[in-house]
Protein backbone atom coordinates (compact mmCIF):
# COMPACT_ATOMS: atom_id res chain seq x y z
CA MET A 1 34.89 13.71 3.79
CA VAL A 2 33.11 16.60 2.11
CA HIS A 3 31.40 18.91 4.59
CA TYR A 4 28.07 20.30 3.42
CA SER A 5 26.35 23.22 5.11
CA ILE A 6 22.88 24.28 4.03
CA HIS A 7 23.63 27.66 5.62
CA ASP A 8 26.68 28.13 3.41
CA HIS A 9 24.73 26.85 0.40
CA PHE A 10 22.10 29.59 0.67
CA ASP A 11 24.08 32.37 2.35
CA GLY A 12 23.84 35.59 0.34
CA SER A 13 21.97 33.89 -2.50
CA ALA A 14 18.84 34.70 -4.46
CA VAL A 15 16.11 32.05 -4.54
CA LEU A 16 13.20 31.71 -6.95
CA LEU A 17 10.29 29.99 -5.21
CA THR A 18 7.10 28.76 -6.86
CA GLY A 19 3.97 27.74 -5.00
CA SER A 20 4.56 30.17 -2.13
CA THR A 21 0.83 30.60 -1.53
CA GLY A 22 0.41 26.84 -1.09
CA TYR A 23 1.01 24.97 2.15
CA VAL A 24 4.45 23.53 1.39
CA GLY A 25 5.63 26.66 -0.39
CA GLN A 26 4.77 29.02 2.45
CA LEU A 27 6.57 26.81 4.98
CA VAL A 28 9.64 26.75 2.71
CA LEU A 29 9.48 30.55 2.40
CA GLU A 30 9.21 31.00 6.17
CA LYS A 31 12.20 28.71 6.74
CA LEU A 32 14.31 30.44 4.10
CA LEU A 33 13.68 33.81 5.73
CA ARG A 34 13.98 32.77 9.37
CA CYS A 35 16.83 30.27 9.28
CA LEU A 36 19.02 31.09 6.28
CA GLY A 37 20.91 34.17 5.18
CA VAL A 38 19.36 34.50 1.75
CA ARG A 39 19.71 37.81 -0.05
CA THR A 40 16.42 37.71 -1.97
CA VAL A 41 13.48 35.37 -2.40
CA PHE A 42 11.62 35.88 -5.66
CA VAL A 43 8.12 34.46 -5.33
CA LEU A 44 6.21 33.70 -8.52
CA THR A 45 2.74 35.10 -7.86
CA ARG A 46 -0.38 35.01 -9.99
CA PRO A 47 -2.41 38.23 -9.99
CA LYS A 48 -6.05 37.83 -8.96
CA ARG A 49 -9.04 40.00 -9.73
CA GLY A 50 -9.08 42.92 -7.33
CA GLU A 51 -5.73 41.98 -5.78
CA ASP A 52 -2.30 42.70 -7.27
CA ILE A 53 0.77 40.56 -6.60
CA GLN A 54 2.17 42.81 -3.87
CA GLN A 55 -1.15 42.70 -2.02
CA ARG A 56 -1.21 38.90 -2.32
CA VAL A 57 2.32 38.62 -0.93
CA ASP A 58 1.61 41.09 1.89
CA LYS A 59 -1.45 39.02 2.81
CA LEU A 60 0.66 35.84 2.78
CA LEU A 61 3.38 37.35 4.97
CA GLY A 62 0.71 38.54 7.40
CA SER A 63 -0.61 35.01 7.91
CA PRO A 64 0.03 33.05 11.15
CA VAL A 65 2.79 30.95 9.53
CA PHE A 66 5.02 34.04 9.56
CA HIS A 67 4.24 35.14 13.13
CA LEU A 68 7.87 34.64 14.24
CA LEU A 69 8.96 37.18 11.64
CA ARG A 70 6.33 39.83 12.33
CA GLY A 71 7.96 43.24 11.96
CA ASN A 72 11.30 41.69 10.96
CA GLU A 73 13.31 43.38 8.21
CA VAL A 74 13.89 40.00 6.51
CA LEU A 75 10.37 40.24 5.09
CA ARG A 76 11.72 42.93 2.77
CA LYS A 77 13.76 40.23 1.05
CA VAL A 78 10.59 38.83 -0.53
CA VAL A 79 10.14 40.11 -4.08
CA PRO A 80 6.96 39.17 -5.95
CA ILE A 81 7.27 38.26 -9.63
CA ALA A 82 4.05 38.32 -11.65
CA GLY A 83 3.51 34.98 -13.34
CA ASP A 84 1.23 32.02 -13.93
CA MET A 85 2.35 28.38 -14.12
CA ARG A 86 -0.24 27.73 -16.84
CA ALA A 87 0.79 30.63 -19.11
CA THR A 88 3.27 30.67 -21.98
CA ASP A 89 6.73 31.56 -20.62
CA LEU A 90 4.98 31.45 -17.23
CA GLY A 91 3.50 34.86 -18.02
CA ILE A 92 6.69 36.52 -16.77
CA SER A 93 7.61 39.86 -18.34
CA LEU A 94 10.83 40.22 -20.32
CA ALA A 95 12.27 42.58 -17.70
CA ASP A 96 11.57 40.10 -14.89
CA ARG A 97 12.98 37.19 -16.93
CA GLN A 98 16.17 39.14 -17.46
CA ARG A 99 16.43 39.99 -13.78
CA LEU A 100 15.87 36.37 -12.76
CA SER A 101 18.49 35.26 -15.27
CA ARG A 102 21.06 37.64 -13.77
CA GLU A 103 20.36 37.12 -10.09
CA THR A 104 18.86 33.69 -9.35
CA ASN A 105 21.12 31.10 -7.70
CA HIS A 106 18.57 28.53 -6.51
CA VAL A 107 15.11 27.46 -7.62
CA ILE A 108 12.66 25.60 -5.37
CA HIS A 109 9.67 24.46 -7.40
CA CYS A 110 6.76 23.74 -5.04
CA ALA A 111 3.88 24.76 -7.31
CA ALA A 112 1.57 21.93 -8.36
CA ASP A 113 -2.06 21.04 -8.94
CA ILE A 114 -2.62 18.34 -6.32
CA ARG A 115 -6.25 17.53 -7.11
CA LEU A 116 -6.31 13.77 -7.61
CA GLU A 117 -9.21 13.64 -10.05
CA ALA A 118 -8.91 16.90 -11.94
CA SER A 119 -9.01 16.62 -15.73
CA ILE A 120 -5.85 15.39 -17.42
CA HIS A 121 -5.62 18.70 -19.31
CA GLU A 122 -5.58 20.75 -16.10
CA LEU A 123 -3.05 18.51 -14.39
CA LEU A 124 -0.68 18.29 -17.34
CA GLN A 125 -0.82 22.05 -17.89
CA ALA A 126 0.11 22.72 -14.25
CA ASN A 127 2.37 19.81 -13.33
CA TYR A 128 4.08 19.02 -16.63
CA GLU A 129 3.90 22.07 -18.89
CA GLY A 130 4.37 24.55 -16.04
CA THR A 131 7.46 22.69 -14.87
CA ARG A 132 8.79 22.49 -18.43
CA GLN A 133 8.36 26.25 -18.93
CA LEU A 134 10.19 26.88 -15.66
CA LEU A 135 13.09 24.64 -16.64
CA LYS A 136 13.32 26.32 -20.04
CA LEU A 137 13.63 29.64 -18.23
CA CYS A 138 16.33 28.22 -15.95
CA CYS A 139 18.44 27.21 -18.95
CA TYR A 140 19.21 30.93 -19.33
CA PHE A 141 20.12 31.58 -15.70
CA ASN A 142 23.73 32.73 -15.47
CA ASN A 143 24.51 31.54 -11.95
CA LEU A 144 22.14 28.67 -11.21
CA GLN A 145 23.51 26.41 -8.47
CA SER A 146 20.51 24.19 -7.74
CA PHE A 147 16.97 23.39 -8.85
CA VAL A 148 14.77 21.42 -6.45
CA HIS A 149 11.66 19.87 -8.00
CA VAL A 150 9.07 18.90 -5.39
CA SER A 151 7.45 15.75 -6.73
CA SER A 152 5.60 13.06 -4.78
CA ALA A 153 6.35 9.64 -3.33
CA TYR A 154 3.22 8.48 -5.13
CA THR A 155 4.58 9.06 -8.63
CA ASN A 156 5.63 5.40 -8.72
CA MET A 157 2.67 3.81 -6.98
CA ASN A 158 1.99 1.98 -10.24
CA ALA A 159 4.78 -0.40 -9.21
CA PRO A 160 3.67 -3.85 -7.94
CA VAL A 161 2.71 -4.09 -4.27
CA GLY A 162 5.79 -4.68 -2.14
CA SER A 163 8.18 -3.10 -4.63
CA LEU A 164 11.21 -1.17 -3.46
CA VAL A 165 11.06 2.26 -5.09
CA LYS A 166 14.60 3.54 -5.45
CA GLU A 167 15.86 7.05 -6.13
CA ALA A 168 15.54 6.54 -9.86
CA ILE A 169 13.34 7.49 -12.79
CA TYR A 170 11.15 4.57 -13.83
CA PRO A 171 10.31 4.40 -17.54
CA LEU A 172 6.90 3.73 -18.99
CA SER A 173 6.56 1.65 -22.14
CA TYR A 174 4.22 0.44 -24.83
CA GLY A 175 5.32 -3.18 -25.07
CA ASP A 176 9.05 -2.98 -25.88
CA ASN A 177 8.98 0.72 -26.77
CA LEU A 178 9.74 3.38 -24.19
CA VAL A 179 7.26 6.23 -23.93
CA ASP A 180 8.30 9.67 -25.13
CA ASP A 181 6.83 11.80 -22.34
CA TYR A 182 6.76 15.03 -24.37
CA GLU A 183 5.02 13.45 -27.36
CA LEU A 184 2.44 11.78 -25.12
CA VAL A 185 1.68 15.00 -23.23
CA GLN A 186 1.33 17.02 -26.42
CA GLU A 187 -0.96 14.32 -27.86
CA LEU A 188 -3.22 14.48 -24.82
CA LEU A 189 -3.27 18.28 -24.71
CA ALA A 190 -4.19 18.44 -28.40
CA MET A 191 -7.28 16.26 -27.89
CA PRO A 192 -10.70 17.56 -26.86
CA ALA A 193 -10.98 17.34 -23.06
CA HIS A 194 -13.40 14.40 -23.09
CA ASN A 195 -11.22 12.38 -25.46
CA ALA A 196 -8.08 13.20 -23.47
CA ASN A 197 -9.68 12.01 -20.23
CA SER A 198 -10.77 8.77 -21.92
CA ARG A 199 -7.28 8.26 -23.34
CA ALA A 200 -5.71 8.96 -19.94
CA ALA A 201 -8.08 6.49 -18.29
CA GLY A 202 -6.90 3.79 -20.69
CA LEU A 203 -3.26 4.61 -20.02
CA MET A 204 -3.79 4.57 -16.25
CA LYS A 205 -5.39 1.15 -16.49
CA ALA A 206 -2.55 -0.18 -18.65
CA TRP A 207 0.16 1.27 -16.40
CA ASN A 208 -1.66 0.80 -13.09
CA PHE A 209 -1.91 4.44 -12.02
CA PRO A 210 -4.82 5.23 -9.66
CA ASN A 211 -5.54 8.78 -10.85
CA ASN A 212 -4.61 11.60 -13.21
CA TYR A 213 -2.50 13.34 -10.57
CA THR A 214 0.01 10.52 -10.15
CA LEU A 215 0.27 10.07 -13.91
CA SER A 216 0.95 13.78 -14.43
CA LYS A 217 3.63 13.87 -11.73
CA HIS A 218 5.26 10.71 -13.08
CA LEU A 219 5.51 12.20 -16.56
CA ALA A 220 6.87 15.44 -15.07
CA GLU A 221 9.72 13.54 -13.42
CA TYR A 222 10.64 12.09 -16.82
CA MET A 223 10.87 15.56 -18.27
CA VAL A 224 12.82 16.98 -15.31
CA ALA A 225 15.39 14.18 -15.70
CA ASP A 226 15.70 15.02 -19.41
CA PHE A 227 16.57 18.63 -18.60
CA HIS A 228 19.19 17.43 -16.15
CA LYS A 229 20.69 15.15 -18.79
CA HIS A 230 20.56 17.36 -21.85
CA CYS A 231 20.81 20.89 -20.40
CA LYS A 232 23.13 19.96 -17.52
CA LEU A 233 20.92 21.70 -14.99
CA PRO A 234 21.83 20.94 -11.32
CA ILE A 235 18.54 19.24 -10.40
CA ALA A 236 17.33 17.34 -7.35
CA ILE A 237 13.91 15.68 -7.11
CA ALA A 238 12.21 15.55 -3.70
CA ARG A 239 9.44 12.98 -3.20
CA PRO A 240 7.51 13.78 -0.02
CA THR A 241 4.89 11.33 1.20
CA LEU A 242 1.61 12.37 2.83
CA ILE A 243 2.00 15.99 3.88
CA SER A 244 0.28 17.09 7.07
CA SER A 245 0.94 19.79 9.65
CA VAL A 246 4.24 20.59 11.35
CA ALA A 247 5.24 19.43 14.81
CA GLN A 248 7.16 22.51 15.97
CA ASP A 249 8.21 25.64 14.05
CA PRO A 250 6.69 28.03 13.19
CA TYR A 251 4.08 26.68 15.62
CA PRO A 252 2.78 23.16 16.42
CA GLY A 253 -0.06 22.20 14.13
CA ALA A 254 0.61 24.86 11.51
CA GLY A 255 -1.51 24.03 8.51
CA ASN A 256 -3.40 21.37 10.40
CA SER A 257 -7.15 21.17 9.94
CA ARG A 258 -7.79 17.52 10.80
CA GLY A 259 -6.02 16.96 14.07
CA CYS A 260 -2.99 15.04 12.75
CA THR A 261 0.49 16.35 13.46
CA VAL A 262 3.66 14.86 12.05
CA ALA A 263 7.34 15.74 12.50
């Protein structure tokens, strides 16, 4: 029997984390720092007006989620990387891309636009194109050991009621023809926003998706699987269900604003 240790898996490694300012991402960051012996955590951070990336990260690390690490030297392991999931090449400088290529061992991709009814352009840019740009970058990483794509259990809620959703990628089709996810996404992004939303509404009706978010995440899984197949990237897809607050660490109810706590 093969013994697997998550501690051994991450010990001494460098991790690239996206979405660290979001709820899931900041909990992942806190856990990486507090429980695992990582060497470095690169956090992709978008500059904001009047606040540079270091200030944004310092503000994040000063939030209550990180109270167990207050004053701990492990916080020095966090290295901000300027970038934007909606920008070409993620907006990462050449010097930073080269550093990530040399040093990164693991990627945890938590960044996503989770607005259910945002425009199809916005959701595809963030959830599909952003993920595709990240995977393209990872193809040049010299020592990549794992890439975890945080998807959603609801990517396949177009399946008939009562269906068993397995750990598989479920194809979409036009009649007998399988959908080319990249061609479809580029077609939608090339349309004026109003036309793209109308087109997406027709596709959602035909394929039984309830909103633009689930369609965008479904198409993203297609693309992630293609990178695994054709570029041989070591990819895992995680499909969390409804995400609420934590039951214990870093403190009970962390992230909770509606009185519901889950383990």
